[in-house]
N, C-alpha and C. Protein backbone atom coordinates (compact mmCIF):
# COMPACT_ATOMS: atom_id res chain seq x y z
N UNK A 1 29.56 45.65 -82.26
CA UNK A 1 29.79 45.23 -83.43
C UNK A 1 28.86 44.45 -84.14
N UNK A 2 28.29 43.59 -83.23
CA UNK A 2 27.21 42.47 -83.15
C UNK A 2 26.71 42.21 -81.81
N UNK A 3 25.52 41.55 -82.03
CA UNK A 3 24.83 40.77 -80.97
C UNK A 3 24.26 39.32 -81.31
N UNK A 4 24.31 38.46 -80.00
CA UNK A 4 24.01 37.07 -80.41
C UNK A 4 22.55 37.44 -79.55
N UNK A 5 21.16 36.46 -80.01
CA UNK A 5 20.25 36.42 -79.68
C UNK A 5 19.55 35.41 -80.23
N UNK A 6 18.19 34.96 -79.32
CA UNK A 6 17.40 33.67 -80.05
C UNK A 6 16.78 34.38 -81.24
N UNK A 7 16.14 33.64 -82.07
CA UNK A 7 15.57 34.12 -83.35
C UNK A 7 14.02 33.71 -82.90
N UNK A 8 13.42 34.74 -83.79
CA UNK A 8 12.01 34.48 -83.15
C UNK A 8 11.16 34.42 -84.48
N UNK A 9 10.06 34.02 -84.88
CA UNK A 9 9.48 33.39 -85.91
C UNK A 9 9.53 34.41 -86.96
N UNK A 10 9.43 35.64 -86.60
CA UNK A 10 9.69 36.82 -87.55
C UNK A 10 11.25 37.02 -88.42
N UNK A 11 12.12 36.30 -87.86
CA UNK A 11 13.39 36.31 -88.37
C UNK A 11 13.50 35.32 -89.14
N UNK A 12 12.75 34.16 -89.49
CA UNK A 12 12.91 32.88 -90.40
C UNK A 12 13.23 33.50 -91.63
N UNK A 13 12.23 34.24 -92.28
CA UNK A 13 12.57 34.65 -93.73
C UNK A 13 13.97 35.12 -93.75
N UNK A 14 14.48 36.14 -93.25
CA UNK A 14 15.66 36.70 -93.40
C UNK A 14 16.62 35.73 -93.17
N UNK A 15 16.43 34.86 -92.28
CA UNK A 15 17.47 33.78 -91.99
C UNK A 15 18.06 32.45 -93.12
N UNK A 16 16.69 32.44 -93.81
CA UNK A 16 16.45 31.56 -94.84
C UNK A 16 17.24 32.06 -96.12
N UNK A 17 17.05 33.52 -96.41
CA UNK A 17 17.95 34.08 -97.43
C UNK A 17 19.24 34.00 -97.24
N UNK A 18 19.99 34.45 -95.69
CA UNK A 18 21.15 34.24 -95.37
C UNK A 18 21.94 32.90 -95.82
N UNK A 19 21.24 32.02 -95.07
CA UNK A 19 21.44 30.86 -95.23
C UNK A 19 21.59 30.31 -96.88
N UNK A 20 20.73 30.63 -97.68
CA UNK A 20 20.57 30.40 -99.24
C UNK A 20 21.75 30.84 -99.82
N UNK A 21 22.02 32.33 -99.71
CA UNK A 21 23.01 33.03 -100.24
C UNK A 21 24.58 32.53 -100.17
N UNK A 22 24.69 32.30 -98.65
CA UNK A 22 26.21 31.81 -98.16
C UNK A 22 26.00 30.04 -98.68
N UNK A 23 25.26 29.31 -98.64
CA UNK A 23 25.17 28.19 -99.22
C UNK A 23 25.73 28.10 -100.80
N UNK A 24 24.73 28.69 -101.88
CA UNK A 24 24.99 29.04 -102.90
C UNK A 24 26.50 29.33 -103.58
N UNK A 25 26.90 30.31 -102.88
CA UNK A 25 28.11 30.95 -103.15
C UNK A 25 29.38 30.27 -102.67
N UNK A 26 29.28 29.52 -101.35
CA UNK A 26 30.27 28.68 -101.05
C UNK A 26 30.35 27.19 -100.93
N UNK A 27 29.18 26.68 -100.58
CA UNK A 27 28.96 25.22 -100.16
C UNK A 27 28.54 24.55 -101.46
N UNK A 28 27.83 25.07 -102.30
CA UNK A 28 27.04 24.01 -103.43
C UNK A 28 28.05 23.52 -104.64
N UNK A 29 29.23 23.71 -104.42
CA UNK A 29 29.84 23.44 -105.64
C UNK A 29 30.20 21.97 -105.97
N UNK A 30 30.22 21.18 -104.86
CA UNK A 30 30.72 19.87 -104.71
C UNK A 30 29.24 19.12 -105.25
N UNK A 31 28.09 20.02 -104.69
CA UNK A 31 26.66 18.87 -104.42
C UNK A 31 26.31 19.09 -105.95
N UNK A 32 25.36 17.76 -105.98
CA UNK A 32 24.58 17.46 -107.50
C UNK A 32 23.34 18.34 -107.77
N UNK A 33 22.66 18.21 -108.57
CA UNK A 33 21.59 19.55 -108.71
C UNK A 33 20.42 18.56 -107.98
N UNK A 34 20.34 17.60 -107.23
CA UNK A 34 19.66 17.01 -106.59
C UNK A 34 19.94 17.72 -104.99
N UNK A 35 21.19 17.35 -104.85
CA UNK A 35 21.91 17.67 -103.75
C UNK A 35 21.37 19.52 -103.17
N UNK A 36 21.46 20.17 -104.20
CA UNK A 36 21.20 21.63 -104.18
C UNK A 36 19.84 21.79 -103.71
N UNK A 37 18.96 21.13 -104.68
CA UNK A 37 17.49 21.26 -104.39
C UNK A 37 17.53 20.76 -103.37
N UNK A 38 18.12 19.55 -102.17
CA UNK A 38 17.61 19.03 -101.04
C UNK A 38 18.05 20.16 -99.92
N UNK A 39 19.07 20.59 -100.49
CA UNK A 39 19.82 21.61 -99.18
C UNK A 39 18.64 22.83 -99.19
N UNK A 40 18.26 23.42 -100.36
CA UNK A 40 17.52 24.40 -100.73
C UNK A 40 16.10 24.43 -99.95
N UNK A 41 15.59 23.32 -100.00
CA UNK A 41 14.20 22.70 -99.29
C UNK A 41 14.42 22.72 -97.78
N UNK A 42 15.51 22.25 -97.11
CA UNK A 42 15.74 22.30 -95.81
C UNK A 42 16.02 23.57 -95.47
N UNK A 43 16.22 24.20 -96.06
CA UNK A 43 16.61 25.86 -95.41
C UNK A 43 15.53 26.79 -95.91
N UNK A 44 14.51 26.31 -96.56
CA UNK A 44 13.59 26.86 -96.85
C UNK A 44 12.74 27.79 -95.91
N UNK A 45 11.99 28.76 -95.73
CA UNK A 45 11.21 29.01 -94.68
C UNK A 45 10.60 28.15 -94.06
N UNK A 46 9.83 27.67 -94.74
CA UNK A 46 8.87 26.84 -94.33
C UNK A 46 9.43 25.61 -93.69
N UNK A 47 10.31 25.27 -94.35
CA UNK A 47 11.14 23.65 -93.57
C UNK A 47 11.72 24.54 -92.11
N UNK A 48 12.41 25.49 -92.01
CA UNK A 48 12.88 26.20 -90.85
C UNK A 48 11.62 26.30 -89.74
N UNK A 49 10.73 27.13 -90.32
CA UNK A 49 9.52 27.15 -89.07
C UNK A 49 9.04 26.03 -88.85
N UNK A 50 8.95 24.88 -89.49
CA UNK A 50 8.49 23.63 -89.01
C UNK A 50 9.11 22.88 -87.89
N UNK A 51 10.73 22.59 -88.29
CA UNK A 51 11.67 22.86 -87.39
C UNK A 51 11.78 23.42 -85.87
N UNK A 52 11.35 24.88 -86.31
CA UNK A 52 11.25 25.82 -85.16
C UNK A 52 9.98 25.50 -83.92
N UNK A 53 8.78 25.17 -84.81
CA UNK A 53 7.62 25.28 -83.96
C UNK A 53 7.50 23.75 -83.35
N UNK A 54 7.51 22.68 -84.44
CA UNK A 54 7.31 21.37 -84.25
C UNK A 54 8.25 20.46 -83.36
N UNK A 55 9.63 21.09 -83.86
CA UNK A 55 10.66 19.88 -83.46
C UNK A 55 11.39 20.90 -81.98
N UNK A 56 11.33 22.50 -81.94
CA UNK A 56 11.96 22.82 -81.30
C UNK A 56 13.40 23.05 -81.53
N UNK A 57 13.87 23.40 -82.72
CA UNK A 57 15.09 23.73 -83.01
C UNK A 57 15.10 24.87 -82.22
N UNK A 58 16.82 24.95 -81.77
CA UNK A 58 17.02 26.32 -81.11
C UNK A 58 17.89 27.13 -82.53
N UNK A 59 17.51 28.14 -83.09
CA UNK A 59 18.15 28.99 -83.93
C UNK A 59 18.57 30.40 -83.06
N UNK A 60 19.77 30.59 -83.09
CA UNK A 60 20.66 31.88 -82.74
C UNK A 60 20.68 33.06 -83.97
N UNK A 61 20.47 33.82 -83.48
CA UNK A 61 21.01 35.15 -84.91
C UNK A 61 22.02 35.60 -84.13
N UNK A 62 22.77 36.22 -85.04
CA UNK A 62 23.69 37.65 -84.65
C UNK A 62 23.11 38.83 -85.76
N UNK A 63 22.99 39.65 -85.04
CA UNK A 63 22.76 40.82 -85.45
C UNK A 63 23.38 41.87 -85.61
N UNK A 64 23.66 42.90 -86.45
CA UNK A 64 24.39 44.00 -86.34
C UNK A 64 23.87 44.80 -85.21
N UNK A 65 24.87 45.94 -84.91
CA UNK A 65 24.70 46.76 -84.08
C UNK A 65 23.17 47.63 -84.12
N UNK A 66 22.80 47.98 -85.19
CA UNK A 66 21.51 48.82 -85.19
C UNK A 66 20.35 47.57 -85.41
N UNK A 67 20.82 46.30 -85.07
CA UNK A 67 19.57 45.16 -85.15
C UNK A 67 18.66 44.82 -86.38
N UNK A 68 19.43 45.81 -87.37
CA UNK A 68 18.59 45.90 -88.48
C UNK A 68 18.87 44.69 -89.33
N UNK A 69 20.04 44.34 -89.59
CA UNK A 69 20.36 42.99 -90.26
C UNK A 69 20.83 42.03 -89.64
N UNK A 70 20.38 40.60 -90.10
CA UNK A 70 20.75 39.53 -89.82
C UNK A 70 22.37 38.91 -90.48
N UNK A 71 23.37 38.85 -89.69
CA UNK A 71 24.58 38.59 -90.37
C UNK A 71 25.08 37.12 -89.94
N UNK A 72 24.43 36.43 -89.35
CA UNK A 72 24.93 35.43 -88.92
C UNK A 72 23.88 34.14 -88.32
N UNK A 73 23.69 33.08 -88.22
CA UNK A 73 22.90 32.29 -87.61
C UNK A 73 23.20 30.88 -87.64
N UNK A 74 22.71 30.19 -86.42
CA UNK A 74 22.91 28.69 -86.23
C UNK A 74 21.52 28.31 -85.62
N UNK A 75 21.41 26.87 -86.22
CA UNK A 75 20.27 26.07 -85.90
C UNK A 75 20.75 24.64 -85.12
N UNK A 76 20.35 24.58 -84.01
CA UNK A 76 20.64 23.12 -83.37
C UNK A 76 19.33 22.55 -83.48
N UNK A 77 19.36 21.23 -83.85
CA UNK A 77 18.20 20.20 -83.93
C UNK A 77 18.66 19.08 -83.06
N UNK A 78 17.54 18.42 -82.36
CA UNK A 78 17.90 17.04 -81.38
C UNK A 78 18.76 17.51 -80.43
N UNK A 79 18.88 18.66 -79.90
CA UNK A 79 19.87 19.09 -78.85
C UNK A 79 21.06 18.81 -78.93
N UNK A 80 21.40 18.52 -80.02
CA UNK A 80 23.10 18.34 -80.30
C UNK A 80 23.49 18.45 -81.51
N UNK A 81 22.53 18.79 -82.42
CA UNK A 81 23.24 18.66 -84.01
C UNK A 81 23.18 19.83 -84.33
N UNK A 82 24.31 20.51 -85.15
CA UNK A 82 24.22 21.58 -85.87
C UNK A 82 23.94 21.53 -87.04
N UNK A 83 22.76 21.75 -87.27
CA UNK A 83 22.16 21.55 -88.91
C UNK A 83 22.30 22.65 -89.69
N UNK A 84 22.44 23.84 -89.38
CA UNK A 84 22.67 25.30 -90.18
C UNK A 84 23.73 26.26 -89.31
N UNK A 85 24.71 26.65 -90.32
CA UNK A 85 25.68 27.32 -89.45
C UNK A 85 26.20 28.43 -90.53
N UNK A 86 25.84 29.30 -90.58
CA UNK A 86 26.07 30.60 -91.80
C UNK A 86 26.24 31.84 -91.00
N UNK A 87 27.53 32.52 -91.63
CA UNK A 87 27.78 33.91 -91.28
C UNK A 87 27.60 34.77 -92.73
N UNK A 88 27.06 35.86 -92.84
CA UNK A 88 27.35 36.48 -93.81
C UNK A 88 28.88 36.91 -94.19
N UNK A 89 29.48 36.75 -95.56
CA UNK A 89 30.50 36.63 -95.63
C UNK A 89 30.91 38.16 -95.82
N UNK A 90 30.54 39.16 -95.60
CA UNK A 90 30.92 40.17 -95.29
C UNK A 90 31.53 40.61 -93.98
N UNK A 91 31.10 39.59 -93.02
CA UNK A 91 31.41 40.02 -91.77
C UNK A 91 32.35 38.43 -91.24
N UNK A 92 32.86 37.74 -92.24
CA UNK A 92 33.81 36.61 -91.80
C UNK A 92 35.21 37.19 -91.14
N UNK A 93 35.34 36.26 -90.43
CA UNK A 93 36.86 36.44 -89.44
C UNK A 93 36.33 37.35 -88.03
N UNK A 94 35.45 37.84 -87.93
CA UNK A 94 34.96 38.93 -87.19
C UNK A 94 34.50 38.17 -85.53
N UNK A 95 34.67 37.00 -85.29
CA UNK A 95 34.13 36.21 -84.16
C UNK A 95 33.00 35.80 -84.02
N UNK A 96 32.01 36.04 -84.81
CA UNK A 96 30.49 35.85 -85.07
C UNK A 96 29.91 34.50 -84.76
N UNK A 97 30.98 33.50 -85.73
CA UNK A 97 30.59 32.08 -85.59
C UNK A 97 30.79 31.63 -84.57
N UNK A 98 32.01 31.60 -83.93
CA UNK A 98 32.35 31.38 -82.64
C UNK A 98 31.38 31.87 -81.21
N UNK A 99 31.09 33.14 -81.31
CA UNK A 99 30.27 34.04 -80.48
C UNK A 99 29.02 32.98 -80.44
N UNK A 100 28.40 32.56 -81.72
CA UNK A 100 27.09 31.61 -81.88
C UNK A 100 27.32 30.50 -81.23
N UNK A 101 27.98 30.00 -81.48
CA UNK A 101 28.13 28.33 -81.06
C UNK A 101 28.58 28.29 -79.43
N UNK A 102 29.47 29.27 -78.82
CA UNK A 102 29.78 29.85 -77.50
C UNK A 102 28.52 30.05 -76.44
N UNK A 103 27.57 30.44 -77.53
CA UNK A 103 26.17 31.00 -76.90
C UNK A 103 25.26 29.80 -77.00
N UNK A 104 25.45 29.08 -77.73
CA UNK A 104 24.36 28.13 -78.09
C UNK A 104 24.82 26.55 -77.15
N UNK A 105 26.33 26.77 -76.83
CA UNK A 105 26.70 25.60 -75.80
C UNK A 105 26.20 26.19 -74.50
N UNK A 106 26.06 27.25 -73.83
CA UNK A 106 25.61 28.09 -73.07
C UNK A 106 24.17 27.44 -72.38
N UNK A 107 23.18 27.65 -73.72
CA UNK A 107 21.78 27.21 -73.70
C UNK A 107 21.80 25.73 -74.04
N UNK A 108 22.36 24.99 -74.57
CA UNK A 108 22.35 23.43 -74.54
C UNK A 108 23.61 23.00 -74.22
N UNK A 109 23.58 22.68 -72.84
CA UNK A 109 24.87 22.17 -72.34
C UNK A 109 24.79 20.41 -72.78
N UNK A 110 25.60 20.44 -73.92
CA UNK A 110 25.60 18.91 -74.27
C UNK A 110 27.02 18.21 -74.08
N UNK A 111 27.33 17.01 -74.02
CA UNK A 111 28.87 16.78 -73.91
C UNK A 111 29.10 16.71 -75.34
N UNK A 112 28.23 16.73 -76.35
CA UNK A 112 28.77 16.38 -77.40
C UNK A 112 27.89 17.23 -78.52
N UNK A 113 28.52 17.52 -79.91
CA UNK A 113 27.85 18.53 -80.83
C UNK A 113 28.37 17.65 -82.18
N UNK A 114 27.15 17.18 -82.54
CA UNK A 114 27.75 16.97 -84.22
C UNK A 114 26.99 17.62 -85.55
N UNK A 115 27.43 17.31 -86.66
CA UNK A 115 27.54 18.36 -87.72
C UNK A 115 27.92 17.49 -88.76
N UNK A 116 27.43 18.20 -90.10
CA UNK A 116 27.79 17.80 -91.47
C UNK A 116 28.53 19.03 -91.97
N UNK A 117 29.65 19.01 -92.24
CA UNK A 117 30.10 20.25 -92.65
C UNK A 117 30.55 20.45 -93.95
N UNK A 118 30.42 21.56 -94.58
CA UNK A 118 30.70 21.35 -95.77
C UNK A 118 32.26 21.57 -96.41
N UNK A 119 32.77 20.78 -97.50
CA UNK A 119 34.19 20.99 -97.55
C UNK A 119 34.70 22.64 -97.43
N UNK A 120 33.91 23.68 -97.80
CA UNK A 120 34.58 24.82 -97.75
C UNK A 120 34.66 25.46 -95.96
N UNK A 121 33.79 24.46 -95.39
CA UNK A 121 34.28 24.94 -93.85
C UNK A 121 34.92 24.13 -92.86
N UNK A 122 35.49 23.13 -93.58
CA UNK A 122 36.21 22.22 -92.59
C UNK A 122 37.17 22.65 -92.02
N UNK A 123 38.05 23.49 -92.18
CA UNK A 123 39.08 24.11 -91.55
C UNK A 123 38.48 25.08 -90.29
N UNK A 124 37.60 25.49 -90.79
CA UNK A 124 36.87 26.78 -89.38
C UNK A 124 36.59 25.72 -88.24
N UNK A 125 35.79 24.85 -88.72
CA UNK A 125 35.05 23.79 -88.01
C UNK A 125 36.28 23.16 -86.96
N UNK A 126 37.24 22.82 -87.63
CA UNK A 126 38.10 22.12 -87.24
C UNK A 126 39.27 23.27 -85.75
N UNK A 127 39.05 24.75 -86.37
CA UNK A 127 39.90 25.52 -85.41
C UNK A 127 38.50 25.84 -84.07
N UNK A 128 37.49 25.64 -84.49
CA UNK A 128 36.19 25.55 -83.62
C UNK A 128 36.33 24.57 -82.22
N UNK A 129 37.41 23.43 -82.72
CA UNK A 129 37.36 21.93 -82.06
C UNK A 129 36.50 21.13 -82.37
N UNK A 130 36.00 21.28 -83.54
CA UNK A 130 35.27 19.90 -84.17
C UNK A 130 36.18 18.65 -84.64
N UNK A 131 36.23 17.40 -84.42
CA UNK A 131 37.06 16.59 -85.36
C UNK A 131 36.13 15.58 -86.21
N UNK A 132 37.09 15.62 -87.74
CA UNK A 132 36.49 14.60 -88.54
C UNK A 132 35.94 13.29 -88.09
N UNK A 133 34.95 12.41 -88.26
CA UNK A 133 34.46 10.82 -88.21
C UNK A 133 35.32 10.29 -89.09
N UNK A 134 35.57 10.81 -90.37
CA UNK A 134 36.09 10.10 -91.31
C UNK A 134 37.05 10.87 -91.54
N UNK A 135 38.00 10.03 -92.64
CA UNK A 135 39.07 10.71 -93.18
C UNK A 135 38.69 11.35 -94.71
N UNK A 136 37.44 11.06 -95.29
CA UNK A 136 37.37 11.67 -96.58
C UNK A 136 35.84 12.24 -96.50
N UNK A 137 35.42 13.01 -97.48
CA UNK A 137 34.31 13.38 -97.55
C UNK A 137 32.99 12.45 -97.79
N UNK A 138 32.09 12.87 -97.35
CA UNK A 138 30.62 11.71 -97.95
C UNK A 138 29.84 12.65 -98.64
N UNK A 139 28.83 11.63 -98.98
CA UNK A 139 27.54 12.03 -99.63
C UNK A 139 26.38 11.44 -99.52
N UNK A 140 25.44 12.44 -99.30
CA UNK A 140 24.01 11.91 -99.23
C UNK A 140 22.98 12.39 -99.90
N UNK A 141 22.28 12.04 -100.64
CA UNK A 141 21.29 12.59 -101.24
C UNK A 141 21.80 13.74 -102.42
N UNK A 142 22.89 13.62 -102.75
CA UNK A 142 23.69 14.60 -103.88
C UNK A 142 24.41 15.37 -102.99
N UNK A 143 24.59 15.49 -101.49
CA UNK A 143 24.90 16.48 -100.64
C UNK A 143 26.21 16.52 -100.11
N UNK A 144 27.35 16.93 -100.07
CA UNK A 144 28.67 16.46 -99.69
C UNK A 144 29.07 17.03 -98.82
N UNK A 145 29.29 16.36 -97.74
CA UNK A 145 29.99 16.78 -96.46
C UNK A 145 30.70 16.01 -95.56
N UNK A 146 31.24 16.78 -94.51
CA UNK A 146 32.25 16.10 -93.63
C UNK A 146 31.42 15.63 -92.25
N UNK A 147 31.62 14.56 -91.87
CA UNK A 147 30.55 13.94 -90.25
C UNK A 147 31.69 14.64 -89.39
N UNK A 148 31.41 15.49 -88.27
CA UNK A 148 31.91 16.07 -87.57
C UNK A 148 31.73 15.88 -86.24
N UNK A 149 32.08 16.12 -85.02
CA UNK A 149 32.03 15.91 -83.83
C UNK A 149 32.63 16.99 -82.94
N UNK A 150 32.25 17.41 -82.34
CA UNK A 150 32.96 18.40 -81.06
C UNK A 150 32.86 17.64 -79.42
């Protein structure tokens, strides 16, 4: 059905497109124009390549069986912060996100993981075992999110 593997630099453009499409479709509705622009800049190929090369971020991808399409991605920065986590909506509820997170935990064995979840994905992350640090949604630079920890 799918395979999890480490991303290589040649995957970044496709990863960025997936992240942009899912963010705009499901997660951007609460964000201001400034926030949307900030997120789009963060998930741009250039920004992702900078984190990948200069900051050593871990980027995992899920690919379909023929390995031609990236159907999910997870990026971890600072050894324990999930900065990006997206699955193509045609593949929701197939265990892809859980598999990405489980593989990341094998590679980066941390006692905690943090993230800023979109409101849309809040219940999903709770089901993965994350808990909210605050009872309400936070906002920073026009982006709305829930601080969470695992």
